[in-house]
PDB file of N, CA and C in Angstrom:
ATOM      1  N   MET A   1       0.787  -1.172   0.032  1.00  0.00           N
ATOM      2  CA  MET A   1      -0.025   0.050   0.079  1.00  0.00           C
ATOM      3  C   MET A   1       0.820   1.252  -0.042  1.00  0.00           C
ATOM      4  N   ALA A   2       2.037   1.194   0.735  1.00  0.00           N
ATOM      5  CA  ALA A   2       2.835   2.396   0.851  1.00  0.00           C
ATOM      6  C   ALA A   2       3.392   2.881  -0.520  1.00  0.00           C
ATOM      7  N   ASP A   3       3.672   1.915  -1.365  1.00  0.00           N
ATOM      8  CA  ASP A   3       4.242   2.226  -2.747  1.00  0.00           C
ATOM      9  C   ASP A   3       3.189   3.018  -3.591  1.00  0.00           C
ATOM     10  N   TYR A   4       1.886   2.718  -3.287  1.00  0.00           N
ATOM     11  CA  TYR A   4       0.900   3.305  -4.216  1.00  0.00           C
ATOM     12  C   TYR A   4       0.168   4.464  -3.544  1.00  0.00           C
ATOM     13  N   GLY A   5       0.407   4.726  -2.209  1.00  0.00           N
ATOM     14  CA  GLY A   5      -0.332   5.792  -1.519  1.00  0.00           C
ATOM     15  C   GLY A   5      -1.732   5.590  -1.485  1.00  0.00           C
ATOM     16  N   ILE A   6      -2.265   4.332  -1.282  1.00  0.00           N
ATOM     17  CA  ILE A   6      -3.696   4.027  -1.155  1.00  0.00           C
ATOM     18  C   ILE A   6      -4.124   3.808   0.225  1.00  0.00           C
ATOM     19  N   THR A   7      -5.494   3.837   0.417  1.00  0.00           N
ATOM     20  CA  THR A   7      -6.089   3.412   1.694  1.00  0.00           C
ATOM     21  C   THR A   7      -7.090   2.358   1.302  1.00  0.00           C
ATOM     22  N   LEU A   8      -7.110   1.310   2.110  1.00  0.00           N
ATOM     23  CA  LEU A   8      -7.885   0.198   1.826  1.00  0.00           C
ATOM     24  C   LEU A   8      -9.121   0.327   2.835  1.00  0.00           C
ATOM     25  N   ILE A   9     -10.340   0.348   2.292  1.00  0.00           N
ATOM     26  CA  ILE A   9     -11.592   0.403   3.121  1.00  0.00           C
ATOM     27  C   ILE A   9     -12.278  -0.817   3.212  1.00  0.00           C
ATOM     28  N   ILE A  10     -12.535  -1.265   4.316  1.00  0.00           N
ATOM     29  CA  ILE A  10     -13.116  -2.630   4.562  1.00  0.00           C
ATOM     30  C   ILE A  10     -14.337  -2.501   5.456  1.00  0.00           C
ATOM     31  N   THR A  11     -15.398  -3.199   5.149  1.00  0.00           N
ATOM     32  CA  THR A  11     -16.581  -3.248   5.978  1.00  0.00           C
ATOM     33  C   THR A  11     -16.848  -4.785   6.424  1.00  0.00           C
ATOM     34  N   ARG A  12     -17.258  -4.952   7.595  1.00  0.00           N
ATOM     35  CA  ARG A  12     -17.735  -6.264   8.176  1.00  0.00           C
ATOM     36  C   ARG A  12     -19.182  -6.053   8.631  1.00  0.00           C
ATOM     37  N   GLU A  13     -20.155  -6.643   7.890  1.00  0.00           N
ATOM     38  CA  GLU A  13     -21.479  -6.411   8.086  1.00  0.00           C
ATOM     39  C   GLU A  13     -21.950  -6.882   9.451  1.00  0.00           C
ATOM     40  N   TYR A  14     -21.588  -8.061   9.762  1.00  0.00           N
ATOM     41  CA  TYR A  14     -22.198  -8.679  11.049  1.00  0.00           C
ATOM     42  C   TYR A  14     -21.238  -8.297  12.242  1.00  0.00           C
ATOM     43  N   GLU A  15     -20.130  -7.728  12.012  1.00  0.00           N
ATOM     44  CA  GLU A  15     -19.346  -7.252  13.124  1.00  0.00           C
ATOM     45  C   GLU A  15     -19.606  -5.780  13.327  1.00  0.00           C
ATOM     46  N   HIS A  16     -20.371  -5.071  12.450  1.00  0.00           N
ATOM     47  CA  HIS A  16     -20.832  -3.703  12.622  1.00  0.00           C
ATOM     48  C   HIS A  16     -19.627  -2.811  12.656  1.00  0.00           C
ATOM     49  N   ILE A  17     -18.688  -2.856  11.597  1.00  0.00           N
ATOM     50  CA  ILE A  17     -17.527  -2.121  11.693  1.00  0.00           C
ATOM     51  C   ILE A  17     -17.044  -1.711  10.235  1.00  0.00           C
ATOM     52  N   LEU A  18     -16.510  -0.498  10.234  1.00  0.00           N
ATOM     53  CA  LEU A  18     -15.891   0.142   8.910  1.00  0.00           C
ATOM     54  C   LEU A  18     -14.372   0.333   9.397  1.00  0.00           C
ATOM     55  N   MET A  19     -13.530  -0.154   8.546  1.00  0.00           N
ATOM     56  CA  MET A  19     -12.114   0.039   8.826  1.00  0.00           C
ATOM     57  C   MET A  19     -11.462   0.687   7.575  1.00  0.00           C
ATOM     58  N   ALA A  20     -10.359   1.521   7.912  1.00  0.00           N
ATOM     59  CA  ALA A  20      -9.607   2.075   6.821  1.00  0.00           C
ATOM     60  C   ALA A  20      -8.135   1.748   7.220  1.00  0.00           C
ATOM     61  N   MET A  21      -7.443   1.187   6.229  1.00  0.00           N
ATOM     62  CA  MET A  21      -6.013   0.792   6.527  1.00  0.00           C
ATOM     63  C   MET A  21      -5.105   1.465   5.409  1.00  0.00           C
ATOM     64  N   SER A  22      -4.011   1.985   5.882  1.00  0.00           N
ATOM     65  CA  SER A  22      -2.999   2.532   5.034  1.00  0.00           C
ATOM     66  C   SER A  22      -1.599   2.349   5.707  1.00  0.00           C
ATOM     67  N   SER A  23      -0.595   2.571   4.875  1.00  0.00           N
ATOM     68  CA  SER A  23       0.869   2.472   5.514  1.00  0.00           C
ATOM     69  C   SER A  23       1.752   3.358   4.784  1.00  0.00           C
ATOM     70  N   ASN A  24       2.829   3.652   5.590  1.00  0.00           N
ATOM     71  CA  ASN A  24       3.922   4.269   4.846  1.00  0.00           C
ATOM     72  C   ASN A  24       5.078   3.322   5.082  1.00  0.00           C
ATOM     73  N   ARG A  25       6.244   3.644   4.814  1.00  0.00           N
ATOM     74  CA  ARG A  25       7.413   2.679   4.881  1.00  0.00           C
ATOM     75  C   ARG A  25       7.612   2.204   6.373  1.00  0.00           C
ATOM     76  N   SER A  26       7.198   2.920   7.354  1.00  0.00           N
ATOM     77  CA  SER A  26       7.586   2.534   8.795  1.00  0.00           C
ATOM     78  C   SER A  26       6.427   2.162   9.609  1.00  0.00           C
ATOM     79  N   LYS A  27       5.092   2.452   9.212  1.00  0.00           N
ATOM     80  CA  LYS A  27       4.058   2.225  10.150  1.00  0.00           C
ATOM     81  C   LYS A  27       2.809   1.907   9.323  1.00  0.00           C
ATOM     82  N   VAL A  28       1.857   1.102   9.910  1.00  0.00           N
ATOM     83  CA  VAL A  28       0.550   0.894   9.378  1.00  0.00           C
ATOM     84  C   VAL A  28      -0.435   1.750  10.211  1.00  0.00           C
ATOM     85  N   ASN A  29      -1.322   2.323   9.509  1.00  0.00           N
ATOM     86  CA  ASN A  29      -2.361   3.213  10.112  1.00  0.00           C
ATOM     87  C   ASN A  29      -3.636   2.418   9.998  1.00  0.00           C
ATOM     88  N   ILE A  30      -4.401   2.317  11.058  1.00  0.00           N
ATOM     89  CA  ILE A  30      -5.659   1.683  11.059  1.00  0.00           C
ATOM     90  C   ILE A  30      -6.715   2.489  11.799  1.00  0.00           C
ATOM     91  N   SER A  31      -7.821   2.879  11.148  1.00  0.00           N
ATOM     92  CA  SER A  31      -8.883   3.617  11.915  1.00  0.00           C
ATOM     93  C   SER A  31     -10.187   2.787  11.752  1.00  0.00           C
ATOM     94  N   TYR A  32     -11.087   3.023  12.656  1.00  0.00           N
ATOM     95  CA  TYR A  32     -12.335   2.202  12.485  1.00  0.00           C
ATOM     96  C   TYR A  32     -13.470   2.946  13.069  1.00  0.00           C
ATOM     97  N   MET A  33     -14.705   2.646  12.674  1.00  0.00           N
ATOM     98  CA  MET A  33     -15.902   3.215  13.137  1.00  0.00           C
ATOM     99  C   MET A  33     -16.960   2.173  13.281  1.00  0.00           C
ATOM    100  N   HIS A  34     -17.680   2.166  14.408  1.00  0.00           N
ATOM    101  CA  HIS A  34     -18.767   1.082  14.544  1.00  0.00           C
ATOM    102  C   HIS A  34     -20.057   1.696  13.865  1.00  0.00           C
ATOM    103  N   ILE A  35     -20.615   0.855  12.984  1.00  0.00           N
ATOM    104  CA  ILE A  35     -21.810   1.214  12.316  1.00  0.00           C
ATOM    105  C   ILE A  35     -22.678   0.015  12.067  1.00  0.00           C
ATOM    106  N   PRO A  36     -24.032   0.210  12.199  1.00  0.00           N
ATOM    107  CA  PRO A  36     -24.857  -1.023  12.088  1.00  0.00           C
ATOM    108  C   PRO A  36     -24.952  -1.483  10.616  1.00  0.00           C
ATOM    109  N   HIS A  37     -24.548  -2.774  10.321  1.00  0.00           N
ATOM    110  CA  HIS A  37     -24.662  -3.443   9.145  1.00  0.00           C
ATOM    111  C   HIS A  37     -24.224  -2.649   7.901  1.00  0.00           C
ATOM    112  N   PRO A  38     -22.973  -2.256   7.913  1.00  0.00           N
ATOM    113  CA  PRO A  38     -22.434  -1.650   6.703  1.00  0.00           C
ATOM    114  C   PRO A  38     -22.461  -2.603   5.454  1.00  0.00           C
ATOM    115  N   SER A  39     -23.015  -2.098   4.367  1.00  0.00           N
ATOM    116  CA  SER A  39     -23.193  -3.139   3.287  1.00  0.00           C
ATOM    117  C   SER A  39     -22.846  -2.580   1.888  1.00  0.00           C
ATOM    118  N   GLY A  40     -22.340  -1.362   1.810  1.00  0.00           N
ATOM    119  CA  GLY A  40     -22.000  -0.875   0.525  1.00  0.00           C
ATOM    120  C   GLY A  40     -21.063   0.336   0.650  1.00  0.00           C
ATOM    121  N   ILE A  41     -20.076   0.474  -0.275  1.00  0.00           N
ATOM    122  CA  ILE A  41     -19.116   1.605  -0.170  1.00  0.00           C
ATOM    123  C   ILE A  41     -18.994   2.125  -1.682  1.00  0.00           C
ATOM    124  N   ALA A  42     -18.983   3.459  -1.800  1.00  0.00           N
ATOM    125  CA  ALA A  42     -18.670   4.067  -3.015  1.00  0.00           C
ATOM    126  C   ALA A  42     -17.689   5.215  -2.826  1.00  0.00           C
ATOM    127  N   VAL A  43     -16.640   5.276  -3.638  1.00  0.00           N
ATOM    128  CA  VAL A  43     -15.746   6.460  -3.454  1.00  0.00           C
ATOM    129  C   VAL A  43     -15.764   7.397  -4.609  1.00  0.00           C
ATOM    130  N   ASP A  44     -15.873   8.653  -4.277  1.00  0.00           N
ATOM    131  CA  ASP A  44     -15.787   9.709  -5.326  1.00  0.00           C
ATOM    132  C   ASP A  44     -14.447  10.341  -5.211  1.00  0.00           C
ATOM    133  N   ARG A  45     -13.538   9.920  -6.107  1.00  0.00           N
ATOM    134  CA  ARG A  45     -12.163  10.390  -6.029  1.00  0.00           C
ATOM    135  C   ARG A  45     -12.021  11.836  -6.317  1.00  0.00           C
ATOM    136  N   LYS A  46     -12.900  12.345  -7.214  1.00  0.00           N
ATOM    137  CA  LYS A  46     -12.889  13.756  -7.636  1.00  0.00           C
ATOM    138  C   LYS A  46     -13.106  14.764  -6.469  1.00  0.00           C
ATOM    139  N   SER A  47     -14.171  14.399  -5.670  1.00  0.00           N
ATOM    140  CA  SER A  47     -14.488  15.234  -4.419  1.00  0.00           C
ATOM    141  C   SER A  47     -13.914  14.749  -3.206  1.00  0.00           C
ATOM    142  N   ASN A  48     -13.208  13.512  -3.279  1.00  0.00           N
ATOM    143  CA  ASN A  48     -12.507  12.993  -2.096  1.00  0.00           C
ATOM    144  C   ASN A  48     -13.528  12.535  -0.990  1.00  0.00           C
ATOM    145  N   LEU A  49     -14.761  11.966  -1.373  1.00  0.00           N
ATOM    146  CA  LEU A  49     -15.801  11.564  -0.491  1.00  0.00           C
ATOM    147  C   LEU A  49     -15.942  10.120  -0.586  1.00  0.00           C
ATOM    148  N   VAL A  50     -16.336   9.489   0.579  1.00  0.00           N
ATOM    149  CA  VAL A  50     -16.672   8.086   0.633  1.00  0.00           C
ATOM    150  C   VAL A  50     -18.184   8.050   1.092  1.00  0.00           C
ATOM    151  N   TYR A  51     -18.948   7.316   0.341  1.00  0.00           N
ATOM    152  CA  TYR A  51     -20.352   7.015   0.612  1.00  0.00           C
ATOM    153  C   TYR A  51     -20.508   5.643   1.218  1.00  0.00           C
ATOM    154  N   LEU A  52     -21.216   5.504   2.370  1.00  0.00           N
ATOM    155  CA  LEU A  52     -21.310   4.203   2.970  1.00  0.00           C
ATOM    156  C   LEU A  52     -22.738   4.056   3.318  1.00  0.00           C
ATOM    157  N   VAL A  53     -23.273   2.774   3.066  1.00  0.00           N
ATOM    158  CA  VAL A  53     -24.686   2.491   3.287  1.00  0.00           C
ATOM    159  C   VAL A  53     -24.751   1.454   4.466  1.00  0.00           C
ATOM    160  N   SER A  54     -25.687   1.781   5.386  1.00  0.00           N
ATOM    161  CA  SER A  54     -26.048   0.878   6.448  1.00  0.00           C
ATOM    162  C   SER A  54     -27.526   0.376   6.152  1.00  0.00           C
ATOM    163  N   THR A  55     -27.691  -0.898   5.957  1.00  0.00           N
ATOM    164  CA  THR A  55     -28.963  -1.416   5.491  1.00  0.00           C
ATOM    165  C   THR A  55     -29.775  -2.063   6.655  1.00  0.00           C
ATOM    166  N   ARG A  56     -30.049  -1.451   7.618  1.00  0.00           N
ATOM    167  CA  ARG A  56     -31.151  -1.944   8.530  1.00  0.00           C
ATOM    168  C   ARG A  56     -32.103  -0.844   8.728  1.00  0.00           C
ATOM    169  N   ASN A  57     -33.365  -1.172   9.016  1.00  0.00           N
ATOM    170  CA  ASN A  57     -34.313  -0.075   9.072  1.00  0.00           C
ATOM    171  C   ASN A  57     -34.063   0.735  10.342  1.00  0.00           C
ATOM    172  N   PRO A  58     -34.041   2.061  10.155  1.00  0.00           N
ATOM    173  CA  PRO A  58     -34.095   2.740   8.920  1.00  0.00           C
ATOM    174  C   PRO A  58     -32.733   2.561   8.132  1.00  0.00           C
ATOM    175  N   ASN A  59     -32.830   2.451   6.859  1.00  0.00           N
ATOM    176  CA  ASN A  59     -31.610   2.420   6.069  1.00  0.00           C
ATOM    177  C   ASN A  59     -30.987   3.790   6.093  1.00  0.00           C
ATOM    178  N   GLN A  60     -29.633   3.882   6.117  1.00  0.00           N
ATOM    179  CA  GLN A  60     -28.957   5.081   6.234  1.00  0.00           C
ATOM    180  C   GLN A  60     -27.803   5.199   5.284  1.00  0.00           C
ATOM    181  N   VAL A  61     -27.533   6.329   4.702  1.00  0.00           N
ATOM    182  CA  VAL A  61     -26.318   6.581   3.828  1.00  0.00           C
ATOM    183  C   VAL A  61     -25.503   7.662   4.633  1.00  0.00           C
ATOM    184  N   PHE A  62     -24.192   7.359   4.786  1.00  0.00           N
ATOM    185  CA  PHE A  62     -23.265   8.167   5.372  1.00  0.00           C
ATOM    186  C   PHE A  62     -22.358   8.801   4.257  1.00  0.00           C
ATOM    187  N   ILE A  63     -21.853  10.164   4.478  1.00  0.00           N
ATOM    188  CA  ILE A  63     -20.828  10.593   3.643  1.00  0.00           C
ATOM    189  C   ILE A  63     -19.646  10.813   4.690  1.00  0.00           C
ATOM    190  N   LEU A  64     -18.500  10.298   4.303  1.00  0.00           N
ATOM    191  CA  LEU A  64     -17.338  10.579   5.028  1.00  0.00           C
ATOM    192  C   LEU A  64     -16.224  11.215   4.201  1.00  0.00           C
ATOM    193  N   MET A  65     -15.287  12.010   4.840  1.00  0.00           N
ATOM    194  CA  MET A  65     -14.265  12.572   4.114  1.00  0.00           C
ATOM    195  C   MET A  65     -13.066  12.660   5.043  1.00  0.00           C
ATOM    196  N   PRO A  66     -11.896  12.813   4.471  1.00  0.00           N
ATOM    197  CA  PRO A  66     -10.687  12.969   5.272  1.00  0.00           C
ATOM    198  C   PRO A  66     -10.703  14.286   6.127  1.00  0.00           C
ATOM    199  N   ALA A  67     -10.301  14.072   7.398  1.00  0.00           N
ATOM    200  CA  ALA A  67     -10.310  15.215   8.279  1.00  0.00           C
ATOM    201  C   ALA A  67      -8.886  15.800   8.103  1.00  0.00           C
ATOM    202  N   LYS A  68      -8.845  17.073   8.081  1.00  0.00           N
ATOM    203  CA  LYS A  68      -7.455  17.684   7.909  1.00  0.00           C
ATOM    204  C   LYS A  68      -7.286  18.625   9.305  1.00  0.00           C
ATOM    205  N   GLY A  69      -6.171  18.557   9.831  1.00  0.00           N
ATOM    206  CA  GLY A  69      -5.844  19.475  10.784  1.00  0.00           C
ATOM    207  C   GLY A  69      -6.206  18.970  12.216  1.00  0.00           C
ATOM    208  N   ILE A  70      -6.796  17.844  12.247  1.00  0.00           N
ATOM    209  CA  ILE A  70      -7.160  17.290  13.605  1.00  0.00           C
ATOM    210  C   ILE A  70      -6.079  16.588  14.226  1.00  0.00           C
ATOM    211  N   SER A  71      -5.413  15.797  13.474  1.00  0.00           N
ATOM    212  CA  SER A  71      -4.162  15.066  14.051  1.00  0.00           C
ATOM    213  C   SER A  71      -3.146  14.847  12.918  1.00  0.00           C
ATOM    214  N   LYS A  72      -2.001  14.394  13.226  1.00  0.00           N
ATOM    215  CA  LYS A  72      -0.935  14.193  12.247  1.00  0.00           C
ATOM    216  C   LYS A  72      -1.262  13.247  11.203  1.00  0.00           C
ATOM    217  N   LYS A  73      -2.071  12.309  11.499  1.00  0.00           N
ATOM    218  CA  LYS A  73      -2.505  11.365  10.446  1.00  0.00           C
ATOM    219  C   LYS A  73      -3.827  11.684   9.929  1.00  0.00           C
ATOM    220  N   GLN A  74      -4.084  11.332   8.670  1.00  0.00           N
ATOM    221  CA  GLN A  74      -5.448  11.709   8.045  1.00  0.00           C
ATOM    222  C   GLN A  74      -6.370  10.448   8.328  1.00  0.00           C
ATOM    223  N   VAL A  75      -7.578  10.881   8.796  1.00  0.00           N
ATOM    224  CA  VAL A  75      -8.608   9.872   9.195  1.00  0.00           C
ATOM    225  C   VAL A  75      -9.921  10.277   8.515  1.00  0.00           C
ATOM    226  N   LEU A  76     -10.738   9.303   8.126  1.00  0.00           N
ATOM    227  CA  LEU A  76     -12.001   9.500   7.585  1.00  0.00           C
ATOM    228  C   LEU A  76     -12.963   9.856   8.666  1.00  0.00           C
ATOM    229  N   VAL A  77     -13.837  10.871   8.542  1.00  0.00           N
ATOM    230  CA  VAL A  77     -14.788  11.238   9.571  1.00  0.00           C
ATOM    231  C   VAL A  77     -16.249  11.431   8.817  1.00  0.00           C
ATOM    232  N   PRO A  78     -17.266  11.094   9.534  1.00  0.00           N
ATOM    233  CA  PRO A  78     -18.576  11.302   9.010  1.00  0.00           C
ATOM    234  C   PRO A  78     -19.022  12.784   8.927  1.00  0.00           C
ATOM    235  N   VAL A  79     -19.476  13.332   7.786  1.00  0.00           N
ATOM    236  CA  VAL A  79     -19.838  14.673   7.735  1.00  0.00           C
ATOM    237  C   VAL A  79     -21.254  14.956   7.346  1.00  0.00           C
ATOM    238  N   ALA A  80     -21.961  13.823   6.973  1.00  0.00           N
ATOM    239  CA  ALA A  80     -23.366  13.884   6.719  1.00  0.00           C
ATOM    240  C   ALA A  80     -24.039  12.511   6.642  1.00  0.00           C
ATOM    241  N   SER A  81     -25.322  12.486   6.804  1.00  0.00           N
ATOM    242  CA  SER A  81     -26.016  11.230   6.677  1.00  0.00           C
ATOM    243  C   SER A  81     -27.538  11.489   6.453  1.00  0.00           C
ATOM    244  N   TRP A  82     -28.144  10.575   5.773  1.00  0.00           N
ATOM    245  CA  TRP A  82     -29.605  10.704   5.584  1.00  0.00           C
ATOM    246  C   TRP A  82     -30.264   9.322   5.711  1.00  0.00           C
ATOM    247  N   PHE A  83     -31.605   9.291   6.048  1.00  0.00           N
ATOM    248  CA  PHE A  83     -32.312   8.108   6.307  1.00  0.00           C
ATOM    249  C   PHE A  83     -33.203   7.832   5.183  1.00  0.00           C
ATOM    250  N   TYR A  84     -33.422   6.530   5.010  1.00  0.00           N
ATOM    251  CA  TYR A  84     -34.504   6.041   4.064  1.00  0.00           C
ATOM    252  C   TYR A  84     -35.411   5.122   4.884  1.00  0.00           C
ATOM    253  N   PRO A  85     -36.437   5.605   5.522  1.00  0.00           N
ATOM    254  CA  PRO A  85     -37.212   4.771   6.372  1.00  0.00           C
ATOM    255  C   PRO A  85     -38.095   3.816   5.523  1.00  0.00           C
ATOM    256  N   GLY A  86     -38.606   2.734   6.156  1.00  0.00           N
ATOM    257  CA  GLY A  86     -39.418   1.775   5.566  1.00  0.00           C
ATOM    258  C   GLY A  86     -38.666   0.535   5.126  1.00  0.00           C
ATOM    259  N   SER A  87     -39.374  -0.425   4.702  1.00  0.00           N
ATOM    260  CA  SER A  87     -38.781  -1.752   4.322  1.00  0.00           C
ATOM    261  C   SER A  87     -38.628  -1.777   2.757  1.00  0.00           C
ATOM    262  N   LEU A  88     -37.410  -1.887   2.415  1.00  0.00           N
ATOM    263  CA  LEU A  88     -37.081  -1.996   0.916  1.00  0.00           C
ATOM    264  C   LEU A  88     -36.753  -3.509   0.502  1.00  0.00           C
ATOM    265  N   TYR A  89     -36.864  -4.483   1.410  1.00  0.00           N
ATOM    266  CA  TYR A  89     -36.536  -5.829   0.903  1.00  0.00           C
ATOM    267  C   TYR A  89     -37.680  -6.746   1.406  1.00  0.00           C
TER     268      TYR A  89
END
């Protein structure tokens, strides 16, 4: 990952977790967020936003973006969300 400057984003639906992993030559950075049943991720590289879907009623979509100036390492933070109530399945 360090050679390409990428961040790997992983969800575990039944463990209720979203993880982001990256590394440089000397250290691996891991951040995580507890979220109910994460089941879809889309990344908009132009705007640097991550869209995350939680599929339990109410269904919820989160927007995450890299936080700047909070710490020395860059982390994803939720900046918005909206709900889709009702049963869709």
